C-alpha atoms as a PDB file:
ATOM      1  CA  MET A   1     -34.986 -27.453  49.964  1.00  0.00           C
ATOM      2  CA  ARG A   2     -37.244 -25.199  52.009  1.00  0.00           C
ATOM      3  CA  ASN A   3     -34.645 -24.966  54.810  1.00  0.00           C
ATOM      4  CA  LEU A   4     -31.986 -23.967  52.280  1.00  0.00           C
ATOM      5  CA  LEU A   5     -34.191 -21.172  50.926  1.00  0.00           C
ATOM      6  CA  ILE A   6     -34.888 -19.885  54.450  1.00  0.00           C
ATOM      7  CA  ALA A   7     -31.171 -19.960  55.280  1.00  0.00           C
ATOM      8  CA  ILE A   8     -30.326 -17.976  52.132  1.00  0.00           C
ATOM      9  CA  LEU A   9     -32.997 -15.370  52.928  1.00  0.00           C
ATOM     10  CA  VAL A  10     -31.765 -15.020  56.524  1.00  0.00           C
ATOM     11  CA  ILE A  11     -28.177 -14.527  55.337  1.00  0.00           C
ATOM     12  CA  ALA A  12     -29.306 -11.928  52.783  1.00  0.00           C
ATOM     13  CA  VAL A  13     -31.222  -9.984  55.454  1.00  0.00           C
ATOM     14  CA  VAL A  14     -28.242 -10.073  57.839  1.00  0.00           C
ATOM     15  CA  VAL A  15     -25.851  -8.860  55.119  1.00  0.00           C
ATOM     16  CA  LEU A  16     -28.252  -6.059  54.126  1.00  0.00           C
ATOM     17  CA  ALA A  17     -28.693  -4.975  57.760  1.00  0.00           C
ATOM     18  CA  ALA A  18     -24.912  -4.940  58.282  1.00  0.00           C
ATOM     19  CA  ALA A  19     -24.405  -2.859  55.119  1.00  0.00           C
ATOM     20  CA  LEU A  20     -27.071  -0.348  56.172  1.00  0.00           C
ATOM     21  CA  TRP A  21     -25.586  -0.072  59.671  1.00  0.00           C
ATOM     22  CA  TRP A  22     -22.087   0.470  58.262  1.00  0.00           C
ATOM     23  CA  MET A  23     -23.263   3.172  55.831  1.00  0.00           C
ATOM     24  CA  SER A  24     -25.194   5.038  58.518  1.00  0.00           C
ATOM     25  CA  SER A  25     -22.327   4.924  61.020  1.00  0.00           C
ATOM     26  CA  ARG A  26     -19.689   6.483  58.743  1.00  0.00           C
ATOM     27  CA  PRO A  27     -18.822  10.149  59.330  1.00  0.00           C
ATOM     28  CA  ALA A  28     -20.458  12.651  56.961  1.00  0.00           C
ATOM     29  CA  ALA A  29     -17.080  13.509  55.420  1.00  0.00           C
ATOM     30  CA  MET A  30     -16.675   9.912  54.256  1.00  0.00           C
ATOM     31  CA  LYS A  31     -20.221   9.684  52.905  1.00  0.00           C
ATOM     32  CA  GLU A  32     -19.812  12.668  50.575  1.00  0.00           C
ATOM     33  CA  GLY A  33     -16.158  12.147  49.784  1.00  0.00           C
ATOM     34  CA  ASN A  34     -15.491  15.475  51.456  1.00  0.00           C
ATOM     35  CA  VAL A  35     -12.444  16.345  53.424  1.00  0.00           C
ATOM     36  CA  PRO A  36     -12.808  18.598  56.418  1.00  0.00           C
ATOM     37  CA  PRO A  37     -12.268  22.273  55.505  1.00  0.00           C
ATOM     38  CA  GLY A  38      -8.603  23.049  55.783  1.00  0.00           C
ATOM     39  CA  PRO A  39      -6.128  25.618  54.602  1.00  0.00           C
ATOM     40  CA  ASN A  40      -6.214  26.662  50.966  1.00  0.00           C
ATOM     41  CA  PRO A  41      -3.441  24.638  49.261  1.00  0.00           C
ATOM     42  CA  CYS A  42      -2.826  27.102  46.409  1.00  0.00           C
ATOM     43  CA  GLY A  43       0.767  28.246  46.157  1.00  0.00           C
ATOM     44  CA  GLN A  44       2.039  25.835  48.784  1.00  0.00           C
ATOM     45  CA  GLY A  45       1.485  22.388  47.313  1.00  0.00           C
ATOM     46  CA  HIS A  46      -0.901  19.828  48.734  1.00  0.00           C
ATOM     47  CA  ASP A  47      -0.928  16.245  49.916  1.00  0.00           C
ATOM     48  CA  THR A  48      -4.434  15.295  48.809  1.00  0.00           C
ATOM     49  CA  PRO A  49      -4.642  12.241  46.542  1.00  0.00           C
ATOM     50  CA  ASN A  50      -7.099  13.963  44.209  1.00  0.00           C
ATOM     51  CA  PRO A  51      -6.332  16.707  41.646  1.00  0.00           C
ATOM     52  CA  VAL A  52      -6.354  20.330  42.842  1.00  0.00           C
ATOM     53  CA  VAL A  53      -6.929  23.312  40.529  1.00  0.00           C
ATOM     54  CA  CYS A  54      -5.832  26.761  41.747  1.00  0.00           C
ATOM     55  CA  ILE A  55      -6.997  30.110  40.388  1.00  0.00           C
ATOM     56  CA  ASP A  56      -4.969  33.197  41.297  1.00  0.00           C
ATOM     57  CA  ALA A  57      -6.617  35.928  43.412  1.00  0.00           C
ATOM     58  CA  ALA A  58      -6.891  38.247  40.368  1.00  0.00           C
ATOM     59  CA  PHE A  59      -8.732  35.445  38.526  1.00  0.00           C
ATOM     60  CA  LYS A  60      -6.356  35.575  35.554  1.00  0.00           C
ATOM     61  CA  VAL A  61      -4.287  32.358  35.849  1.00  0.00           C
ATOM     62  CA  VAL A  62      -5.414  28.786  36.513  1.00  0.00           C
ATOM     63  CA  THR A  63      -2.957  26.038  37.463  1.00  0.00           C
ATOM     64  CA  PRO A  64      -3.017  23.527  35.907  1.00  0.00           C
ATOM     65  CA  LEU A  65      -4.731  24.751  32.756  1.00  0.00           C
ATOM     66  CA  ARG A  66      -5.430  21.112  31.845  1.00  0.00           C
ATOM     67  CA  VAL A  67      -6.422  18.768  34.668  1.00  0.00           C
ATOM     68  CA  ARG A  68      -6.762  14.992  34.435  1.00  0.00           C
ATOM     69  CA  ALA A  69      -8.798  12.885  36.805  1.00  0.00           C
ATOM     70  CA  ARG A  70      -9.733   9.227  37.006  1.00  0.00           C
ATOM     71  CA  SER A  71     -13.228   7.762  37.205  1.00  0.00           C
ATOM     72  CA  ASN A  72     -14.968   8.548  40.527  1.00  0.00           C
ATOM     73  CA  GLU A  73     -12.131  10.856  41.631  1.00  0.00           C
ATOM     74  CA  TRP A  74     -12.837  14.244  43.217  1.00  0.00           C
ATOM     75  CA  ILE A  75     -11.356  17.442  41.753  1.00  0.00           C
ATOM     76  CA  ASP A  76     -10.969  20.430  44.094  1.00  0.00           C
ATOM     77  CA  PHE A  77     -10.980  24.011  42.783  1.00  0.00           C
ATOM     78  CA  TYR A  78      -9.668  26.920  44.889  1.00  0.00           C
ATOM     79  CA  ILE A  79      -9.266  30.660  44.493  1.00  0.00           C
ATOM     80  CA  ALA A  80      -5.885  31.576  46.010  1.00  0.00           C
ATOM     81  CA  GLY A  81      -6.138  33.702  49.131  1.00  0.00           C
ATOM     82  CA  SER A  82      -9.487  32.218  50.184  1.00  0.00           C
ATOM     83  CA  GLY A  83     -11.478  35.105  48.693  1.00  0.00           C
ATOM     84  CA  GLY A  84     -14.062  35.399  45.952  1.00  0.00           C
ATOM     85  CA  ASP A  85     -17.137  33.428  44.992  1.00  0.00           C
ATOM     86  CA  LEU A  86     -16.236  30.563  42.656  1.00  0.00           C
ATOM     87  CA  ASP A  87     -18.568  28.780  40.251  1.00  0.00           C
ATOM     88  CA  VAL A  88     -17.475  25.872  38.034  1.00  0.00           C
ATOM     89  CA  GLN A  89     -19.628  25.142  34.985  1.00  0.00           C
ATOM     90  CA  PHE A  90     -19.510  22.035  32.790  1.00  0.00           C
ATOM     91  CA  THR A  91     -21.335  21.100  29.596  1.00  0.00           C
ATOM     92  CA  GLY A  92     -23.718  18.167  29.535  1.00  0.00           C
ATOM     93  CA  VAL A  93     -21.129  15.947  27.799  1.00  0.00           C
ATOM     94  CA  THR A  94     -18.521  16.338  30.553  1.00  0.00           C
ATOM     95  CA  PRO A  95     -18.506  13.134  32.640  1.00  0.00           C
ATOM     96  CA  VAL A  96     -18.797  14.759  36.070  1.00  0.00           C
ATOM     97  CA  HIS A  97     -21.404  15.026  38.810  1.00  0.00           C
ATOM     98  CA  HIS A  98     -21.636  16.440  42.337  1.00  0.00           C
ATOM     99  CA  ALA A  99     -20.587  20.004  41.576  1.00  0.00           C
ATOM    100  CA  HIS A 100     -20.918  21.994  44.792  1.00  0.00           C
ATOM    101  CA  HIS A 101     -19.325  24.261  47.363  1.00  0.00           C
ATOM    102  CA  LEU A 102     -18.231  22.608  50.573  1.00  0.00           C
ATOM    103  CA  GLY A 103     -20.124  25.132  52.674  1.00  0.00           C
ATOM    104  CA  ALA A 104     -21.657  28.592  52.593  1.00  0.00           C
ATOM    105  CA  GLN A 105     -18.577  30.127  54.219  1.00  0.00           C
ATOM    106  CA  ASP A 106     -16.300  28.295  51.791  1.00  0.00           C
ATOM    107  CA  SER A 107     -17.321  29.939  48.488  1.00  0.00           C
ATOM    108  CA  HIS A 108     -13.694  30.042  47.262  1.00  0.00           C
ATOM    109  CA  HIS A 109     -13.590  26.198  47.251  1.00  0.00           C
ATOM    110  CA  PHE A 110     -15.563  24.095  44.780  1.00  0.00           C
ATOM    111  CA  ARG A 111     -15.562  20.323  44.323  1.00  0.00           C
ATOM    112  CA  ILE A 112     -16.744  17.975  41.572  1.00  0.00           C
ATOM    113  CA  ARG A 113     -16.638  14.223  41.204  1.00  0.00           C
ATOM    114  CA  ALA A 114     -15.793  12.469  37.933  1.00  0.00           C
ATOM    115  CA  LYS A 115     -18.269   9.903  36.684  1.00  0.00           C
ATOM    116  CA  GLN A 116     -17.275   6.316  35.937  1.00  0.00           C
ATOM    117  CA  VAL A 117     -16.038   6.112  32.332  1.00  0.00           C
ATOM    118  CA  SER A 118     -14.888   3.140  30.244  1.00  0.00           C
ATOM    119  CA  HIS A 119     -12.610   5.218  27.981  1.00  0.00           C
ATOM    120  CA  SER A 120     -10.911   8.595  28.170  1.00  0.00           C
ATOM    121  CA  SER A 121     -13.192  11.587  27.617  1.00  0.00           C
ATOM    122  CA  GLY A 122     -10.555  13.568  25.725  1.00  0.00           C
ATOM    123  CA  TRP A 123      -9.959  17.216  26.609  1.00  0.00           C
ATOM    124  CA  ILE A 124     -13.233  19.070  27.314  1.00  0.00           C
ATOM    125  CA  LYS A 125     -13.471  22.788  28.069  1.00  0.00           C
ATOM    126  CA  TYR A 126     -15.221  23.945  31.234  1.00  0.00           C
ATOM    127  CA  LYS A 127     -15.740  27.379  32.710  1.00  0.00           C
ATOM    128  CA  LEU A 128     -14.465  28.892  35.954  1.00  0.00           C
ATOM    129  CA  VAL A 129     -16.506  31.953  36.945  1.00  0.00           C
ATOM    130  CA  GLU A 130     -15.785  34.425  39.741  1.00  0.00           C
ATOM    131  CA  ARG A 131     -19.347  35.500  40.550  1.00  0.00           C
ATOM    132  CA  GLU A 132     -18.484  38.806  42.234  1.00  0.00           C
ATOM    133  CA  SER A 133     -16.484  40.227  39.296  1.00  0.00           C
ATOM    134  CA  GLY A 134     -17.887  38.138  36.448  1.00  0.00           C
ATOM    135  CA  ASN A 135     -14.360  37.148  35.337  1.00  0.00           C
ATOM    136  CA  GLU A 136     -14.159  33.820  33.487  1.00  0.00           C
ATOM    137  CA  ILE A 137     -11.431  31.340  32.557  1.00  0.00           C
ATOM    138  CA  ASP A 138     -11.891  28.405  30.146  1.00  0.00           C
ATOM    139  CA  PRO A 139      -9.496  25.560  31.090  1.00  0.00           C
ATOM    140  CA  GLU A 140      -9.847  21.885  30.133  1.00  0.00           C
ATOM    141  CA  VAL A 141     -10.520  18.613  31.934  1.00  0.00           C
ATOM    142  CA  MET A 142     -10.028  14.971  30.918  1.00  0.00           C
ATOM    143  CA  ILE A 143     -11.565  12.009  32.724  1.00  0.00           C
ATOM    144  CA  ASP A 144      -9.738   8.686  32.385  1.00  0.00           C
ATOM    145  CA  PRO A 145     -10.939   5.202  33.388  1.00  0.00           C
END
């Protein structure tokens, strides 16, 4: 019985060490769910698996006005033309986390990650703010399981 307990503990330690090694050896882009900075996809389509929201350079039109995402999926927000200083604001009931810019030089690109949900959140308003001009748009987001 004692040998069995020791064997189980040794296996658990080996599995834990392998998991820690694997997590520390992954590139930073994989750890955060980030993609390397690339061209702004607004107006030209995109091939990313996650939803992309585009705001026109005049900060008047957002496409799509209603965006749907699945649990744990990233949503990327861009200002067309790679200019401006974008902020994305959610209420406390919106099931999202990790709202941030991808880098100081990338203030036109914002990314959030949907939380794990067991049922659809329904449509919830959020706010897109262009910090330089103060312009705001109030689109909607829905998070599905």
